[in-house]
Amino acid sequence: KESNGPTDCYAAISQVDRLQSEPESIRKWREEQKERLEQLDANSRKQEAEWKEKAIKELEEWYARQDEKLEKTKASNRVADEAFYKQPFADVIGYVAAEEAFVNDAEEVFPGTEWERVAQLCDFNPKSSKQAKDVSRMRSVLISLKQAPLVR
């Protein structure tokens, strides 16, 4: 026979007697402790609910501010684009500016500075390169030519 409690009838009676013979002060403390714990649990649940409401409110405010910033940026970009495209020959302004900068640099060509100009156009930082191909060999060739140019 298996049972969860004492198998002896007298043992069960003695256990009940022990529970009943518990001093009044311990029983009172046990009840007060139970009430205190229930109150603490209720307070913690209430505080957790308040924190969740506050977090939701702050998150909504943050999204509202982000949307407002985005709309302001879009509006200012639209105004800037309209002002740019209202100028005569706006489609070629960027191209002309880049070409003028290139021509100005080309006018300053001195013999022996060709590799300096090539080096300005190349990115020699291997970590910033996000290309799929390996360009380290070309980079090393350009660097060696920059340091020791070919002599004709």
C-alpha atoms as a PDB file:
ATOM      1  CA  LYS A   1       0.000   0.000   0.000  1.00  0.00           C
ATOM      2  CA  GLU A   2       1.224   3.459  -0.883  1.00  0.00           C
ATOM      3  CA  SER A   3      -0.173   6.576   0.667  1.00  0.00           C
ATOM      4  CA  ASN A   4       0.803  10.201   0.846  1.00  0.00           C
ATOM      5  CA  GLY A   5       0.325  10.536   4.599  1.00  0.00           C
ATOM      6  CA  PRO A   6       1.368   8.533   7.610  1.00  0.00           C
ATOM      7  CA  THR A   7       0.327   4.929   7.458  1.00  0.00           C
ATOM      8  CA  ASP A   8      -0.118   4.563  11.159  1.00  0.00           C
ATOM      9  CA  CYS A   9      -3.407   5.982  12.443  1.00  0.00           C
ATOM     10  CA  TYR A  10      -1.747   7.148  15.623  1.00  0.00           C
ATOM     11  CA  ALA A  11       0.926   9.019  13.605  1.00  0.00           C
ATOM     12  CA  ALA A  12      -1.792  11.013  11.799  1.00  0.00           C
ATOM     13  CA  ILE A  13      -3.389  11.915  15.103  1.00  0.00           C
ATOM     14  CA  SER A  14      -0.052  13.008  16.531  1.00  0.00           C
ATOM     15  CA  GLN A  15       0.588  15.214  13.455  1.00  0.00           C
ATOM     16  CA  VAL A  16      -2.781  16.937  13.867  1.00  0.00           C
ATOM     17  CA  ASP A  17      -2.055  17.398  17.560  1.00  0.00           C
ATOM     18  CA  ARG A  18       1.289  19.010  16.686  1.00  0.00           C
ATOM     19  CA  LEU A  19      -0.396  21.478  14.309  1.00  0.00           C
ATOM     20  CA  GLN A  20      -3.080  22.287  16.849  1.00  0.00           C
ATOM     21  CA  SER A  21      -0.594  22.608  19.660  1.00  0.00           C
ATOM     22  CA  GLU A  22       1.345  25.310  17.744  1.00  0.00           C
ATOM     23  CA  PRO A  23       1.751  28.353  19.968  1.00  0.00           C
ATOM     24  CA  GLU A  24      -0.587  31.265  19.391  1.00  0.00           C
ATOM     25  CA  SER A  25       2.279  33.713  18.705  1.00  0.00           C
ATOM     26  CA  ILE A  26       3.667  31.570  15.862  1.00  0.00           C
ATOM     27  CA  ARG A  27       0.229  31.113  14.303  1.00  0.00           C
ATOM     28  CA  LYS A  28      -0.367  34.867  14.537  1.00  0.00           C
ATOM     29  CA  TRP A  29       3.048  35.598  12.969  1.00  0.00           C
ATOM     30  CA  ARG A  30       2.319  33.119  10.175  1.00  0.00           C
ATOM     31  CA  GLU A  31      -0.988  34.850   9.361  1.00  0.00           C
ATOM     32  CA  GLU A  32       0.585  38.323   9.453  1.00  0.00           C
ATOM     33  CA  GLN A  33       3.428  37.146   7.222  1.00  0.00           C
ATOM     34  CA  LYS A  34       0.939  35.726   4.743  1.00  0.00           C
ATOM     35  CA  GLU A  35      -0.984  39.032   4.674  1.00  0.00           C
ATOM     36  CA  ARG A  36       2.247  41.009   4.258  1.00  0.00           C
ATOM     37  CA  LEU A  37       3.348  38.842   1.339  1.00  0.00           C
ATOM     38  CA  GLU A  38      -0.039  39.149  -0.354  1.00  0.00           C
ATOM     39  CA  GLN A  39       0.098  42.922   0.062  1.00  0.00           C
ATOM     40  CA  LEU A  40       3.640  43.072  -1.367  1.00  0.00           C
ATOM     41  CA  ASP A  41       2.573  40.938  -4.333  1.00  0.00           C
ATOM     42  CA  ALA A  42      -0.388  43.208  -4.991  1.00  0.00           C
ATOM     43  CA  ASN A  43       1.825  46.308  -4.786  1.00  0.00           C
ATOM     44  CA  SER A  44       4.410  44.824  -7.143  1.00  0.00           C
ATOM     45  CA  ARG A  45       1.718  43.869  -9.683  1.00  0.00           C
ATOM     46  CA  LYS A  46       0.276  47.382  -9.457  1.00  0.00           C
ATOM     47  CA  GLN A  47       3.723  48.979  -9.902  1.00  0.00           C
ATOM     48  CA  GLU A  48       4.509  46.717 -12.847  1.00  0.00           C
ATOM     49  CA  ALA A  49       1.255  47.731 -14.536  1.00  0.00           C
ATOM     50  CA  GLU A  50       2.071  51.418 -13.969  1.00  0.00           C
ATOM     51  CA  TRP A  51       5.557  50.961 -15.458  1.00  0.00           C
ATOM     52  CA  LYS A  52       4.116  49.221 -18.506  1.00  0.00           C
ATOM     53  CA  GLU A  53       1.618  52.042 -19.050  1.00  0.00           C
ATOM     54  CA  LYS A  54       4.366  54.635 -18.650  1.00  0.00           C
ATOM     55  CA  ALA A  55       6.650  52.769 -21.090  1.00  0.00           C
ATOM     56  CA  ILE A  56       3.876  52.500 -23.676  1.00  0.00           C
ATOM     57  CA  LYS A  57       3.124  56.214 -23.327  1.00  0.00           C
ATOM     58  CA  GLU A  58       6.811  57.194 -23.686  1.00  0.00           C
ATOM     59  CA  LEU A  59       7.205  54.924 -26.699  1.00  0.00           C
ATOM     60  CA  GLU A  60       4.192  56.503 -28.392  1.00  0.00           C
ATOM     61  CA  GLU A  61       5.600  59.986 -27.692  1.00  0.00           C
ATOM     62  CA  TRP A  62       8.969  58.939 -29.132  1.00  0.00           C
ATOM     63  CA  TYR A  63       7.328  57.619 -32.303  1.00  0.00           C
ATOM     64  CA  ALA A  64       5.344  60.853 -32.608  1.00  0.00           C
ATOM     65  CA  ARG A  65       8.538  62.939 -32.310  1.00  0.00           C
ATOM     66  CA  GLN A  66      10.317  60.744 -34.875  1.00  0.00           C
ATOM     67  CA  ASP A  67       7.408  61.063 -37.318  1.00  0.00           C
ATOM     68  CA  GLU A  68       7.369  64.836 -36.810  1.00  0.00           C
ATOM     69  CA  LYS A  69      11.126  65.052 -37.482  1.00  0.00           C
ATOM     70  CA  LEU A  70      10.759  62.902 -40.573  1.00  0.00           C
ATOM     71  CA  GLU A  71       7.951  65.053 -41.935  1.00  0.00           C
ATOM     72  CA  LYS A  72       9.955  68.246 -41.313  1.00  0.00           C
ATOM     73  CA  THR A  73      12.958  66.750 -43.097  1.00  0.00           C
ATOM     74  CA  LYS A  74      10.835  65.648 -46.035  1.00  0.00           C
ATOM     75  CA  ALA A  75       9.274  69.103 -46.298  1.00  0.00           C
ATOM     76  CA  SER A  76      12.627  70.893 -46.191  1.00  0.00           C
ATOM     77  CA  ASN A  77      14.068  68.490 -48.779  1.00  0.00           C
ATOM     78  CA  ARG A  78      11.096  69.109 -51.081  1.00  0.00           C
ATOM     79  CA  VAL A  79      11.558  72.884 -50.756  1.00  0.00           C
ATOM     80  CA  ALA A  80      15.302  72.588 -51.431  1.00  0.00           C
ATOM     81  CA  ASP A  81      14.721  70.337 -54.446  1.00  0.00           C
ATOM     82  CA  GLU A  82      12.113  72.682 -55.901  1.00  0.00           C
ATOM     83  CA  ALA A  83      14.431  75.658 -55.441  1.00  0.00           C
ATOM     84  CA  PHE A  84      17.302  73.758 -57.062  1.00  0.00           C
ATOM     85  CA  TYR A  85      15.306  72.592 -60.072  1.00  0.00           C
ATOM     86  CA  LYS A  86      13.830  76.053 -60.675  1.00  0.00           C
ATOM     87  CA  GLN A  87      17.329  77.307 -61.524  1.00  0.00           C
ATOM     88  CA  PRO A  88      18.245  77.407 -65.204  1.00  0.00           C
ATOM     89  CA  PHE A  89      20.335  74.427 -66.330  1.00  0.00           C
ATOM     90  CA  ALA A  90      19.870  72.711 -62.976  1.00  0.00           C
ATOM     91  CA  ASP A  91      20.365  69.274 -64.473  1.00  0.00           C
ATOM     92  CA  VAL A  92      23.947  70.058 -65.505  1.00  0.00           C
ATOM     93  CA  ILE A  93      25.045  72.141 -62.496  1.00  0.00           C
ATOM     94  CA  GLY A  94      26.361  69.146 -60.568  1.00  0.00           C
ATOM     95  CA  TYR A  95      28.144  67.776 -63.621  1.00  0.00           C
ATOM     96  CA  VAL A  96      29.689  71.166 -64.441  1.00  0.00           C
ATOM     97  CA  ALA A  97      30.940  71.640 -60.865  1.00  0.00           C
ATOM     98  CA  ALA A  98      32.600  68.221 -60.868  1.00  0.00           C
ATOM     99  CA  GLU A  99      34.152  68.847 -64.276  1.00  0.00           C
ATOM    100  CA  GLU A 100      35.480  72.258 -63.203  1.00  0.00           C
ATOM    101  CA  ALA A 101      37.116  70.708 -60.132  1.00  0.00           C
ATOM    102  CA  PHE A 102      38.706  68.027 -62.311  1.00  0.00           C
ATOM    103  CA  VAL A 103      39.987  70.603 -64.829  1.00  0.00           C
ATOM    104  CA  ASN A 104      41.411  72.774 -62.025  1.00  0.00           C
ATOM    105  CA  ASP A 105      43.281  69.764 -60.681  1.00  0.00           C
ATOM    106  CA  ALA A 106      44.457  68.845 -64.179  1.00  0.00           C
ATOM    107  CA  GLU A 107      45.947  72.298 -64.687  1.00  0.00           C
ATOM    108  CA  GLU A 108      48.234  71.765 -61.695  1.00  0.00           C
ATOM    109  CA  VAL A 109      49.914  68.733 -63.248  1.00  0.00           C
ATOM    110  CA  PHE A 110      53.645  68.681 -62.791  1.00  0.00           C
ATOM    111  CA  PRO A 111      55.936  65.964 -64.073  1.00  0.00           C
ATOM    112  CA  GLY A 112      56.283  63.216 -61.458  1.00  0.00           C
ATOM    113  CA  THR A 113      52.947  63.901 -59.731  1.00  0.00           C
ATOM    114  CA  GLU A 114      50.879  61.486 -61.786  1.00  0.00           C
ATOM    115  CA  TRP A 115      50.826  58.828 -59.075  1.00  0.00           C
ATOM    116  CA  GLU A 116      49.891  61.418 -56.504  1.00  0.00           C
ATOM    117  CA  ARG A 117      46.790  62.201 -58.572  1.00  0.00           C
ATOM    118  CA  VAL A 118      46.008  58.487 -58.961  1.00  0.00           C
ATOM    119  CA  ALA A 119      46.411  58.027 -55.203  1.00  0.00           C
ATOM    120  CA  GLN A 120      43.874  60.806 -54.601  1.00  0.00           C
ATOM    121  CA  LEU A 121      41.317  58.902 -56.657  1.00  0.00           C
ATOM    122  CA  CYS A 122      41.924  55.546 -54.924  1.00  0.00           C
ATOM    123  CA  ASP A 123      40.852  54.374 -51.500  1.00  0.00           C
ATOM    124  CA  PHE A 124      43.865  52.688 -49.911  1.00  0.00           C
ATOM    125  CA  ASN A 125      42.143  51.763 -46.658  1.00  0.00           C
ATOM    126  CA  PRO A 126      41.492  47.991 -46.848  1.00  0.00           C
ATOM    127  CA  LYS A 127      38.994  48.014 -43.969  1.00  0.00           C
ATOM    128  CA  SER A 128      36.684  50.608 -45.498  1.00  0.00           C
ATOM    129  CA  SER A 129      36.374  48.650 -48.717  1.00  0.00           C
ATOM    130  CA  LYS A 130      33.020  46.874 -48.896  1.00  0.00           C
ATOM    131  CA  GLN A 131      33.650  45.343 -52.305  1.00  0.00           C
ATOM    132  CA  ALA A 132      33.046  41.702 -52.998  1.00  0.00           C
ATOM    133  CA  LYS A 133      36.243  41.375 -55.026  1.00  0.00           C
ATOM    134  CA  ASP A 134      39.707  41.253 -53.530  1.00  0.00           C
ATOM    135  CA  VAL A 135      41.582  44.370 -54.631  1.00  0.00           C
ATOM    136  CA  SER A 136      44.558  44.031 -52.302  1.00  0.00           C
ATOM    137  CA  ARG A 137      46.991  43.145 -55.114  1.00  0.00           C
ATOM    138  CA  MET A 138      46.003  46.203 -57.173  1.00  0.00           C
ATOM    139  CA  ARG A 139      46.263  48.346 -54.062  1.00  0.00           C
ATOM    140  CA  SER A 140      49.774  47.054 -53.356  1.00  0.00           C
ATOM    141  CA  VAL A 141      50.839  47.693 -56.991  1.00  0.00           C
ATOM    142  CA  LEU A 142      49.569  51.271 -56.853  1.00  0.00           C
ATOM    143  CA  ILE A 143      51.272  51.917 -53.531  1.00  0.00           C
ATOM    144  CA  SER A 144      54.583  50.528 -54.799  1.00  0.00           C
ATOM    145  CA  LEU A 145      54.331  52.670 -57.954  1.00  0.00           C
ATOM    146  CA  LYS A 146      53.544  55.722 -55.851  1.00  0.00           C
ATOM    147  CA  GLN A 147      56.607  55.134 -53.693  1.00  0.00           C
ATOM    148  CA  ALA A 148      58.950  54.251 -56.582  1.00  0.00           C
ATOM    149  CA  PRO A 149      57.581  55.593 -59.883  1.00  0.00           C
ATOM    150  CA  LEU A 150      58.657  54.056 -63.163  1.00  0.00           C
ATOM    151  CA  VAL A 151      61.485  55.872 -64.915  1.00  0.00           C
ATOM    152  CA  ARG A 152      61.398  56.333 -68.678  1.00  0.00           C
END
